[in-house]
Amino acid sequence: MRTLVQKFEAVYNSSLQECLAGAGEVALEHGYELGRQAIRDGLGVIDIISVHRRVLLSCLSQAATVGECAHIVKTSQDLFAECLAPFEFTHRGFIEVESLNIKLEAAYRELEETITQSRRAEEALRESEAKYRNLFENMTEEVHFWRLIRDDNGQIMTWRLVDANPPTLITWGKTLDEIRGKTTDEIFGPGASEHYMPIVRKIMTEGVPYSFEDYFTHLDKYFRFTSIPLGDYFITTGVDITNIKKAQKLAEQQKIQLEAANKDLESFSYSVSHDLRAPLRAIDGYARMIFKKQGDKFDEDTKRKFNEIRSNTHMMGQLIDDLLTFSRLGRKHMSMSKIDMKTLIGDVWKELQVINPDRNINLKIYSLPPSYGDIALIKQVYSNLLANAVKFTKNRDHALIEVGGHVDGNEDVYYVKDNGVGFDMQYYDKLFGVFQRLHKPDDFEGTGIGLATVHRIINRHGGRVWAEGKEGEGATFFFSLPPSQTH
C-alpha cells in the first residue's frame, strides 16, 4: 500500500507542477484520471488528503512571495477537487467527500485569512521600511550600518558597509555605489579596522551602545560617535564636534591666561597694599608726633586740619583693606555647606553691638529658610547689610531693623529692612557699584565698597541682589540663593 501511495504522490506532484506551469486544462483532466486510478488501486479519500497536504506544503515552502503562495493554493485546490470527483460516485466516497468538503472549506477560509494577514504584514513592512528610509536619508547626523565578518572560530575579522546616509557620504567624499559592501580598510585605507577593532569588540561583547570621540587628520575635524550592536550588525552615528572642541580649547587657553592674570593681580594687590600703607603710616605717625609736641600752640583751625589728616589716613587705610578684600572675592575658594541663617545673623549682630554699644536698636528676626553656601562669605553679606542698616538709622530715635526670608519658587529669598534715611530709586543703578555712594561722606562714613562686595558674593553663589527704598522712609535689601533642598 505504501508503494501505491508513493507512486500516486509522485504523479500528483507532477500534475500540480504542470498546472502551475500553465498546462491547466490538461493537468486537471489528468487529476480526474488520477482519482479513478486511486479508486482502482484501493486508495481512499484520506490517502488523497495526505498526499495533497504533503505536496502542497512542499510547494509552499519554495514560494518567494505571498502572491505566489496564493497561486499555489488556488491551483492545488482545483487539482484536488478534480482528483476527488470520481469518489463522489461511490457511496463510501460520497460520504467521505462531503465530510472532506466541510473540513476543506474551513481550512481554506483559515488559509485565506492567513494570506490576508500576510499581505497586511507585507504592506506594514513596506510602510515601515519607507518611514525608516525617509528618516535615514533626512537625518542631519551621520549614520552608517555595518555587517560583521567572522572567521571559522567566530572571531571578528572585519566588517562591511551595508548602508550609509547622505551626511556620511558627504563627509567621506564617496558615493554609496562606490563603498557599499566594502570593508573599513577598503574604504579608509589599511589600519582602519585595527584602529576601531577594540571598540567593535567591546560593543559586541557587552551588548550595549558605546560613545567615543575621534579626530580625522585629513579632514581636520573632530567627531563624536555612538556605536550600537544589533546581532551580527552594528549601527554607528556621528556628529561633527569640531566647533565644540575649538571652543573648549579656547576656553582652556583663556583659563590659563586668566590664572596668570589673577597671579599678577594678587602680586599687584600685595604690592599696592605694602607700598600704600607705608606712606600712610608715616603721614599718620608724623601728624601724631607733631600734634603731641606742638599741639598746645595750635589754634582751633590747625587742630581741626590735623585731625582731618589723621581721619583721612585712617579712611584711606580702610579703603585699601576693602579693595583687597573685594579683589580677593573672585579667587577665594568656596567651602559649601548648609547654613543656619538665624544663628549666623545672631553672631553678626553680637559683633555689631560691640562696635555700637550706645545705639538702641530694635532687631526683629522673622522666619528664615535654611541655606546652602560658604558660611564665611554669607556672614560677610549679612555683616555688610546689617552694618549699613545700623549706619543709616543713626538719626532715628527708634531704630528698627527687620530680617527675614522665604522660599520663592526655585530660590530662597532673604532680606534686611530698616527705617533709616532710605534712598532715591532713580539712583538705583549706582547702588552695587564700586565707590558708588548715594550719601555724603560727612553724613555717613564708608568707602562705597560694601554693597559691591555683597553683589559679588551672591553672584558667586548663583543668586541675585536687589533693593527697594524711599527717601526718608528706609530701605530693604534682598538677595536670593539656590534652594538648600537641592543640595
Protein backbone atom coordinates (compact mmCIF):
# COMPACT_ATOMS: atom_id res chain seq x y z
CA MET A 1 0.00 0.00 0.00
CA ARG A 2 2.85 2.39 0.83
CA THR A 3 4.33 1.86 -2.63
CA LEU A 4 0.99 2.67 -4.25
CA VAL A 5 0.67 5.87 -2.16
CA GLN A 6 4.23 6.94 -3.03
CA LYS A 7 3.62 6.28 -6.73
CA PHE A 8 0.37 8.26 -6.56
CA GLU A 9 2.14 11.14 -4.76
CA ALA A 10 4.81 11.38 -7.45
CA VAL A 11 2.20 11.55 -10.22
CA TYR A 12 0.08 14.03 -8.22
CA ASN A 13 3.10 16.31 -7.66
CA SER A 14 3.95 16.19 -11.37
CA SER A 15 0.36 17.14 -12.30
CA LEU A 16 0.40 20.08 -9.87
CA GLN A 17 3.68 21.34 -11.32
CA GLU A 18 2.17 21.19 -14.82
CA CYS A 19 -0.85 23.19 -13.62
CA LEU A 20 1.42 25.81 -12.01
CA ALA A 21 3.47 25.97 -15.21
CA GLY A 22 0.36 26.86 -17.24
CA ALA A 23 -0.87 23.49 -18.60
CA GLY A 24 -4.04 23.88 -16.58
CA GLU A 25 -6.79 22.06 -18.55
CA VAL A 26 -4.68 19.01 -19.43
CA ALA A 27 -3.38 18.69 -15.90
CA LEU A 28 -6.87 18.99 -14.42
CA GLU A 29 -8.15 16.24 -16.71
CA HIS A 30 -5.18 14.19 -15.56
CA GLY A 31 -6.31 14.89 -11.98
CA TYR A 32 -9.68 13.27 -12.67
CA GLU A 33 -7.95 10.19 -14.08
CA LEU A 34 -5.70 10.12 -11.01
CA GLY A 35 -8.81 9.91 -8.82
CA ARG A 36 -10.20 6.98 -10.81
CA GLN A 37 -6.84 5.18 -10.68
CA ALA A 38 -6.72 5.71 -6.91
CA ILE A 39 -10.10 4.01 -6.55
CA ARG A 40 -8.91 1.06 -8.65
CA ASP A 41 -5.75 0.79 -6.52
CA GLY A 42 -7.81 0.74 -3.35
CA LEU A 43 -6.75 4.19 -2.11
CA GLY A 44 -9.26 6.19 -0.09
CA VAL A 45 -10.07 9.84 0.35
CA ILE A 46 -7.86 10.01 3.45
CA ASP A 47 -4.90 8.82 1.38
CA ILE A 48 -5.59 11.52 -1.22
CA ILE A 49 -5.81 14.15 1.52
CA SER A 50 -2.44 13.13 2.98
CA VAL A 51 -0.78 13.20 -0.46
CA HIS A 52 -2.35 16.61 -1.25
CA ARG A 53 -1.19 18.07 2.07
CA ARG A 54 2.43 16.92 1.63
CA VAL A 55 2.68 18.13 -1.94
CA LEU A 56 1.04 21.49 -1.11
CA LEU A 57 3.38 22.16 1.83
CA SER A 58 6.39 21.23 -0.30
CA CYS A 59 5.39 23.73 -2.99
CA LEU A 60 4.57 26.47 -0.46
CA SER A 61 7.99 26.10 1.18
CA GLN A 62 9.61 27.05 -2.13
CA ALA A 63 7.39 30.10 -2.75
CA ALA A 64 9.09 33.50 -2.58
CA THR A 65 6.12 35.84 -2.13
CA VAL A 66 2.63 35.89 -0.65
CA GLY A 67 1.19 36.23 -4.19
CA GLU A 68 2.99 33.09 -5.30
CA CYS A 69 1.60 31.23 -2.25
CA ALA A 70 -1.94 32.26 -3.16
CA HIS A 71 -1.47 31.00 -6.74
CA ILE A 72 -0.19 27.63 -5.47
CA VAL A 73 -3.12 27.25 -3.05
CA LYS A 74 -5.74 28.10 -5.71
CA THR A 75 -4.23 25.79 -8.35
CA SER A 76 -3.78 22.89 -5.91
CA GLN A 77 -7.37 23.35 -4.75
CA ASP A 78 -8.64 22.90 -8.33
CA LEU A 79 -6.47 19.82 -8.92
CA PHE A 80 -7.55 18.33 -5.60
CA ALA A 81 -11.23 18.81 -6.42
CA GLU A 82 -10.77 17.04 -9.80
CA CYS A 83 -8.94 14.18 -8.13
CA LEU A 84 -11.76 13.69 -5.62
CA ALA A 85 -14.54 13.88 -8.23
CA PRO A 86 -14.59 10.10 -9.02
CA PHE A 87 -15.05 9.31 -5.32
CA GLU A 88 -18.40 11.10 -5.28
CA PHE A 89 -19.93 8.32 -7.45
CA THR A 90 -19.37 5.69 -4.74
CA HIS A 91 -21.47 5.65 -1.55
CA ARG A 92 -18.45 5.47 0.72
CA GLY A 93 -16.69 8.06 -1.36
CA PHE A 94 -19.69 10.37 -1.35
CA ILE A 95 -19.84 10.37 2.46
CA GLU A 96 -16.08 10.89 2.74
CA VAL A 97 -16.11 13.67 0.14
CA GLU A 98 -18.99 15.51 1.83
CA SER A 99 -17.22 15.37 5.16
CA LEU A 100 -13.99 16.40 3.49
CA ASN A 101 -15.61 19.35 1.71
CA ILE A 102 -16.79 20.73 5.04
CA LYS A 103 -13.30 20.43 6.50
CA LEU A 104 -11.69 21.84 3.38
CA GLU A 105 -13.96 24.87 3.33
CA ALA A 106 -12.98 25.65 6.91
CA ALA A 107 -9.31 25.03 6.14
CA TYR A 108 -9.37 27.21 3.03
CA ARG A 109 -11.12 30.02 4.93
CA GLU A 110 -8.40 29.83 7.53
CA LEU A 111 -5.72 29.80 4.82
CA GLU A 112 -7.31 32.80 3.09
CA GLU A 113 -7.29 34.68 6.40
CA THR A 114 -3.64 33.78 6.86
CA ILE A 115 -2.82 35.02 3.37
CA THR A 116 -4.76 38.25 4.03
CA GLN A 117 -2.84 38.81 7.27
CA SER A 118 0.42 38.11 5.45
CA ARG A 119 -0.46 40.70 2.81
CA ARG A 120 -1.24 43.23 5.53
CA ALA A 121 2.05 42.40 7.23
CA GLU A 122 3.87 42.90 3.93
CA GLU A 123 2.17 46.28 3.43
CA ALA A 124 3.01 47.31 7.00
CA LEU A 125 6.59 46.21 6.45
CA ARG A 126 6.84 48.23 3.23
CA GLU A 127 5.38 51.27 5.01
CA SER A 128 7.80 50.83 7.91
CA GLU A 129 10.73 50.49 5.52
CA ALA A 130 9.64 53.67 3.73
CA LYS A 131 9.48 55.56 7.04
CA TYR A 132 12.88 54.20 8.06
CA ARG A 133 14.38 55.18 4.71
CA ASN A 134 12.89 58.68 4.94
CA LEU A 135 14.27 59.13 8.47
CA PHE A 136 17.61 57.60 7.49
CA GLU A 137 18.01 59.82 4.43
CA ASN A 138 17.00 63.06 6.20
CA MET A 139 18.93 62.79 9.46
CA THR A 140 21.48 65.57 9.92
CA GLU A 141 23.84 63.23 11.78
CA GLU A 142 25.98 60.65 10.05
CA VAL A 143 24.52 57.11 10.16
CA HIS A 144 26.26 54.03 8.78
CA PHE A 145 25.19 50.39 9.00
CA TRP A 146 27.81 47.57 9.15
CA ARG A 147 27.79 43.75 8.97
CA LEU A 148 30.42 41.74 10.87
CA ILE A 149 32.71 39.27 9.10
CA ARG A 150 33.85 36.40 11.33
CA ASP A 151 36.36 33.58 10.88
CA ASP A 152 35.60 29.86 11.31
CA ASN A 153 36.05 30.20 15.08
CA GLY A 154 33.54 33.03 15.30
CA GLN A 155 36.15 35.72 15.90
CA ILE A 156 35.56 39.15 14.37
CA MET A 157 37.86 39.74 11.40
CA THR A 158 36.41 42.96 9.95
CA TRP A 159 33.07 44.46 8.90
CA ARG A 160 31.44 45.52 5.65
CA LEU A 161 29.30 48.57 4.92
CA VAL A 162 25.61 47.79 4.40
CA ASP A 163 24.25 51.33 4.10
CA ALA A 164 25.17 54.97 4.75
CA ASN A 165 23.06 58.14 4.73
CA PRO A 166 23.80 61.34 2.73
CA PRO A 167 25.66 63.27 5.52
CA THR A 168 28.01 60.29 5.85
CA LEU A 169 28.70 60.18 2.13
CA ILE A 170 29.34 63.95 2.04
CA THR A 171 31.89 63.69 4.86
CA TRP A 172 33.60 60.68 3.29
CA GLY A 173 33.50 62.18 -0.22
CA LYS A 174 32.13 58.93 -1.67
CA THR A 175 29.02 57.61 -3.40
CA LEU A 176 27.12 54.68 -1.94
CA ASP A 177 27.73 52.54 -5.03
CA GLU A 178 31.49 53.04 -4.56
CA ILE A 179 31.64 51.78 -0.98
CA ARG A 180 28.64 49.53 -0.28
CA GLY A 181 29.83 46.05 0.66
CA LYS A 182 33.42 47.19 1.24
CA THR A 183 35.36 46.76 4.48
CA THR A 184 36.63 49.58 6.66
CA ASP A 185 40.17 49.11 5.34
CA GLU A 186 38.95 49.21 1.74
CA ILE A 187 37.11 52.49 2.40
CA PHE A 188 39.56 54.30 4.69
CA GLY A 189 42.84 52.52 3.99
CA PRO A 190 44.96 49.90 5.78
CA GLY A 191 44.87 50.04 9.57
CA ALA A 192 41.31 51.37 9.91
CA SER A 193 39.90 48.04 11.12
CA GLU A 194 42.74 47.64 13.62
CA HIS A 195 42.07 51.18 14.92
CA TYR A 196 38.38 50.53 15.62
CA MET A 197 38.59 46.81 16.50
CA PRO A 198 38.70 47.36 20.31
CA ILE A 199 35.51 49.42 20.12
CA VAL A 200 33.66 46.91 17.92
CA ARG A 201 34.71 44.01 20.17
CA LYS A 202 33.60 45.98 23.22
CA ILE A 203 30.06 46.69 21.97
CA MET A 204 29.63 43.15 20.67
CA THR A 205 30.88 41.59 23.92
CA GLU A 206 28.95 43.86 26.27
CA GLY A 207 25.89 44.21 24.04
CA VAL A 208 25.37 47.90 24.88
CA PRO A 209 25.95 51.16 22.94
CA TYR A 210 29.31 52.89 23.34
CA SER A 211 30.23 56.53 22.62
CA PHE A 212 33.69 57.78 21.73
CA GLU A 213 35.46 60.69 20.03
CA ASP A 214 37.90 60.63 17.15
CA TYR A 215 39.97 63.12 15.15
CA PHE A 216 40.43 62.86 11.37
CA THR A 217 43.68 64.47 10.28
CA HIS A 218 42.81 64.67 6.58
CA LEU A 219 39.57 66.50 7.43
CA ASP A 220 40.93 68.44 10.41
CA LYS A 221 37.69 67.61 12.20
CA TYR A 222 36.57 66.01 15.46
CA PHE A 223 33.58 63.66 15.62
CA ARG A 224 31.63 62.06 18.45
CA PHE A 225 30.43 58.57 17.51
CA THR A 226 27.95 56.18 19.11
CA SER A 227 28.02 52.52 18.03
CA ILE A 228 25.00 50.29 18.72
CA PRO A 229 25.21 46.45 18.44
CA LEU A 230 22.46 44.57 16.55
CA GLY A 231 23.26 40.86 16.44
CA ASP A 232 25.95 40.44 13.77
CA TYR A 233 25.42 44.04 12.67
CA PHE A 234 26.04 47.42 14.25
CA ILE A 235 24.96 51.00 13.56
CA THR A 236 27.26 53.97 14.11
CA THR A 237 26.03 57.57 14.34
CA GLY A 238 28.43 60.50 14.09
CA VAL A 239 28.24 64.22 14.97
CA ASP A 240 30.78 66.86 13.97
CA ILE A 241 32.02 68.43 17.24
CA THR A 242 34.90 70.42 15.76
CA ASN A 243 33.44 73.77 16.84
CA ILE A 244 32.83 72.46 20.36
CA LYS A 245 36.41 71.23 20.58
CA LYS A 246 37.75 74.54 19.34
CA ALA A 247 35.62 76.37 21.90
CA GLN A 248 36.91 74.08 24.66
CA LYS A 249 40.49 74.67 23.57
CA LEU A 250 39.89 78.42 23.51
CA ALA A 251 38.30 78.23 26.97
CA GLU A 252 41.32 76.32 28.28
CA GLN A 253 43.67 78.94 26.84
CA GLN A 254 41.58 81.72 28.35
CA LYS A 255 41.58 79.90 31.68
CA ILE A 256 45.38 79.73 31.62
CA GLN A 257 45.54 83.43 30.74
CA LEU A 258 43.04 84.27 33.47
CA GLU A 259 45.01 82.29 36.05
CA ALA A 260 48.15 84.16 35.01
CA ALA A 261 46.28 87.48 35.24
CA ASN A 262 44.98 86.54 38.70
CA LYS A 263 48.51 85.79 39.86
CA ASP A 264 49.64 89.16 38.51
CA LEU A 265 46.69 90.84 40.22
CA GLU A 266 47.47 89.12 43.51
CA SER A 267 51.07 90.25 43.25
CA PHE A 268 49.91 93.74 42.37
CA SER A 269 47.45 93.79 45.26
CA TYR A 270 50.18 92.81 47.70
CA SER A 271 52.46 95.47 46.26
CA VAL A 272 49.73 98.11 46.45
CA SER A 273 48.90 97.13 49.99
CA HIS A 274 52.53 97.28 51.11
CA ASP A 275 53.54 100.38 49.13
CA LEU A 276 50.48 102.44 50.07
CA ARG A 277 50.36 101.50 53.72
CA ALA A 278 53.93 102.62 54.39
CA PRO A 279 53.38 106.32 53.46
CA LEU A 280 50.00 106.30 55.19
CA ARG A 281 51.58 105.08 58.40
CA ALA A 282 54.28 107.74 58.02
CA ILE A 283 51.72 110.51 57.49
CA ASP A 284 49.65 109.39 60.45
CA GLY A 285 52.72 108.88 62.63
CA TYR A 286 54.30 112.25 61.88
CA ALA A 287 50.98 114.04 62.28
CA ARG A 288 50.52 112.41 65.67
CA MET A 289 54.08 113.32 66.75
CA ILE A 290 53.73 116.96 65.63
CA PHE A 291 50.37 117.28 67.32
CA LYS A 292 51.73 115.79 70.52
CA LYS A 293 54.72 118.13 70.67
CA GLN A 294 53.26 121.31 69.20
CA GLY A 295 49.52 120.80 69.64
CA ASP A 296 49.19 123.21 72.55
CA LYS A 297 50.45 126.01 70.31
CA PHE A 298 47.90 125.34 67.51
CA ASP A 299 44.76 127.35 67.11
CA GLU A 300 41.44 125.52 66.65
CA ASP A 301 41.58 125.61 62.85
CA THR A 302 45.04 124.00 62.79
CA LYS A 303 43.92 121.32 65.24
CA ARG A 304 40.91 120.59 63.04
CA LYS A 305 43.14 120.21 59.99
CA PHE A 306 45.50 117.82 61.81
CA ASN A 307 42.51 115.73 62.89
CA GLU A 308 41.30 115.71 59.27
CA ILE A 309 44.74 114.47 58.14
CA ARG A 310 44.62 111.57 60.60
CA SER A 311 40.97 110.81 59.85
CA ASN A 312 41.65 110.65 56.11
CA THR A 313 44.72 108.45 56.51
CA HIS A 314 42.61 106.04 58.56
CA MET A 315 39.87 106.13 55.90
CA MET A 316 42.46 105.50 53.19
CA GLY A 317 43.76 102.51 55.13
CA GLN A 318 40.23 101.14 55.43
CA LEU A 319 39.67 101.72 51.72
CA ILE A 320 42.83 99.71 50.90
CA ASP A 321 41.62 96.88 53.15
CA ASP A 322 38.17 96.89 51.49
CA LEU A 323 39.68 96.93 47.99
CA LEU A 324 41.94 93.99 48.78
CA THR A 325 39.02 92.07 50.25
CA PHE A 326 36.89 92.85 47.20
CA SER A 327 39.62 91.83 44.73
CA ARG A 328 40.17 88.51 46.52
CA LEU A 329 36.48 87.52 46.49
CA GLY A 330 36.66 86.26 42.91
CA ARG A 331 39.61 83.99 43.70
CA LYS A 332 38.58 82.73 47.13
CA HIS A 333 37.74 79.03 47.24
CA MET A 334 34.19 78.47 48.44
CA SER A 335 33.58 75.80 51.06
CA MET A 336 29.91 74.93 50.63
CA SER A 337 27.73 73.60 53.44
CA LYS A 338 24.27 74.01 54.98
CA ILE A 339 23.81 77.28 56.89
CA ASP A 340 21.56 78.03 59.84
CA MET A 341 20.77 81.64 58.88
CA LYS A 342 19.25 82.59 62.24
CA THR A 343 22.36 81.53 64.15
CA LEU A 344 24.59 83.29 61.60
CA ILE A 345 22.65 86.56 61.94
CA GLY A 346 22.84 86.28 65.72
CA ASP A 347 26.64 86.07 65.57
CA VAL A 348 26.88 89.08 63.23
CA TRP A 349 24.57 91.15 65.44
CA LYS A 350 26.65 90.47 68.56
CA GLU A 351 29.74 91.80 66.77
CA LEU A 352 27.89 94.95 65.67
CA GLN A 353 26.61 95.57 69.21
CA VAL A 354 30.18 95.57 70.46
CA ILE A 355 31.11 98.20 67.86
CA ASN A 356 27.98 100.29 68.59
CA PRO A 357 27.40 99.94 72.35
CA ASP A 358 25.45 103.20 72.70
CA ARG A 359 22.90 102.51 69.98
CA ASN A 360 19.39 101.46 70.98
CA ILE A 361 18.21 99.42 68.00
CA ASN A 362 15.25 97.05 67.83
CA LEU A 363 16.20 93.97 65.76
CA LYS A 364 13.39 91.65 64.68
CA ILE A 365 14.27 88.29 63.18
CA TYR A 366 11.43 86.53 61.35
CA SER A 367 11.25 83.11 59.73
CA LEU A 368 14.37 82.23 57.74
CA PRO A 369 14.68 79.16 55.47
CA PRO A 370 17.99 77.26 55.87
CA SER A 371 20.53 77.95 53.16
CA TYR A 372 23.48 76.37 51.43
CA GLY A 373 26.70 78.25 50.73
CA ASP A 374 30.06 79.41 52.03
CA ILE A 375 29.42 80.33 55.67
CA ALA A 376 32.23 82.91 55.85
CA LEU A 377 31.06 84.70 52.69
CA ILE A 378 27.36 84.68 53.60
CA LYS A 379 28.35 86.02 57.02
CA GLN A 380 30.16 88.86 55.21
CA VAL A 381 26.93 89.58 53.29
CA TYR A 382 24.90 89.93 56.48
CA SER A 383 27.70 91.86 58.17
CA ASN A 384 27.69 94.46 55.36
CA LEU A 385 23.89 94.70 55.09
CA LEU A 386 23.30 94.94 58.86
CA ALA A 387 26.18 97.40 59.28
CA ASN A 388 24.59 99.61 56.62
CA ALA A 389 21.21 99.35 58.37
CA VAL A 390 22.83 100.39 61.66
CA LYS A 391 24.68 103.26 59.96
CA PHE A 392 21.70 104.70 58.08
CA THR A 393 19.37 104.58 61.11
CA LYS A 394 21.70 106.54 63.40
CA ASN A 395 19.48 109.63 63.21
CA ARG A 396 16.36 107.70 64.26
CA ASP A 397 15.18 107.88 67.87
CA HIS A 398 13.62 104.44 67.48
CA ALA A 399 15.73 102.50 65.00
CA LEU A 400 14.12 99.33 63.66
CA ILE A 401 15.83 96.62 61.63
CA GLU A 402 13.93 93.57 60.34
CA VAL A 403 15.46 90.38 58.95
CA GLY A 404 13.55 87.53 57.30
CA GLY A 405 13.21 85.24 54.31
CA HIS A 406 11.00 82.85 52.38
CA VAL A 407 11.05 80.24 49.65
CA ASP A 408 10.04 81.65 46.26
CA GLY A 409 9.77 79.03 43.53
CA ASN A 410 13.25 77.80 42.68
CA GLU A 411 15.15 80.12 45.04
CA ASP A 412 15.38 81.12 48.71
CA VAL A 413 14.93 84.87 49.23
CA TYR A 414 16.32 86.80 52.24
CA TYR A 415 16.00 90.48 53.19
CA VAL A 416 17.28 93.14 55.59
CA LYS A 417 14.89 96.07 56.14
CA ASP A 418 15.46 99.30 58.09
CA ASN A 419 13.59 102.55 58.82
CA GLY A 420 16.63 104.74 58.09
CA VAL A 421 17.19 107.53 55.59
CA GLY A 422 16.40 105.35 52.57
CA PHE A 423 17.43 106.35 49.03
CA ASP A 424 16.04 107.72 45.79
CA MET A 425 15.17 104.85 43.40
CA GLN A 426 16.26 106.93 40.38
CA TYR A 427 19.85 106.32 41.51
CA TYR A 428 19.27 102.57 41.94
CA ASP A 429 21.84 101.64 39.25
CA LYS A 430 24.63 103.10 41.38
CA LEU A 431 23.85 101.03 44.49
CA PHE A 432 26.03 97.99 43.83
CA GLY A 433 28.95 99.66 42.03
CA VAL A 434 32.44 100.07 43.49
CA PHE A 435 32.98 103.52 45.07
CA GLN A 436 29.37 104.45 44.35
CA ARG A 437 27.77 106.38 47.23
CA LEU A 438 24.30 107.93 47.43
CA HIS A 439 25.03 109.97 50.55
CA LYS A 440 27.72 112.48 51.51
CA PRO A 441 30.80 111.13 53.36
CA ASP A 442 30.30 113.80 56.01
CA ASP A 443 26.81 112.46 56.74
CA PHE A 444 27.59 108.75 56.69
CA GLU A 445 31.05 107.16 56.82
CA GLY A 446 32.09 104.39 54.45
CA THR A 447 34.19 103.52 51.40
CA GLY A 448 31.44 102.62 48.89
CA ILE A 449 32.56 99.00 48.56
CA GLY A 450 30.22 97.20 50.97
CA LEU A 451 27.28 96.65 48.62
CA ALA A 452 29.59 95.83 45.71
CA THR A 453 31.07 93.09 47.91
CA VAL A 454 27.57 91.75 48.69
CA HIS A 455 26.75 91.70 44.97
CA ARG A 456 29.91 89.77 44.06
CA ILE A 457 29.46 87.18 46.84
CA ILE A 458 25.84 86.44 45.92
CA ASN A 459 26.73 86.24 42.22
CA ARG A 460 29.36 83.62 43.01
CA HIS A 461 26.66 81.60 44.78
CA GLY A 462 24.41 81.73 41.70
CA GLY A 463 21.95 84.17 43.27
CA ARG A 464 20.87 87.76 42.70
CA VAL A 465 20.69 91.02 44.70
CA TRP A 466 18.17 93.88 44.52
CA ALA A 467 16.78 96.66 46.69
CA GLU A 468 13.78 98.89 47.30
CA GLY A 469 13.83 102.25 49.05
CA LYS A 470 12.33 105.68 49.51
CA GLU A 471 13.99 108.79 50.81
CA GLY A 472 13.22 109.36 54.48
CA GLU A 473 11.32 106.06 54.85
CA GLY A 474 14.03 103.40 54.88
CA ALA A 475 15.29 100.67 52.57
CA THR A 476 15.02 96.92 52.04
CA PHE A 477 17.85 94.89 50.54
CA PHE A 478 17.09 91.45 49.13
CA PHE A 479 19.30 88.60 48.00
CA SER A 480 18.50 85.10 46.75
CA LEU A 481 20.30 81.76 46.85
CA PRO A 482 19.57 78.41 45.18
CA PRO A 483 17.22 76.37 47.44
CA SER A 484 19.02 74.37 50.12
CA GLN A 485 16.94 71.21 49.43
CA THR A 486 18.59 70.80 46.01
CA HIS A 487 21.98 70.13 47.63
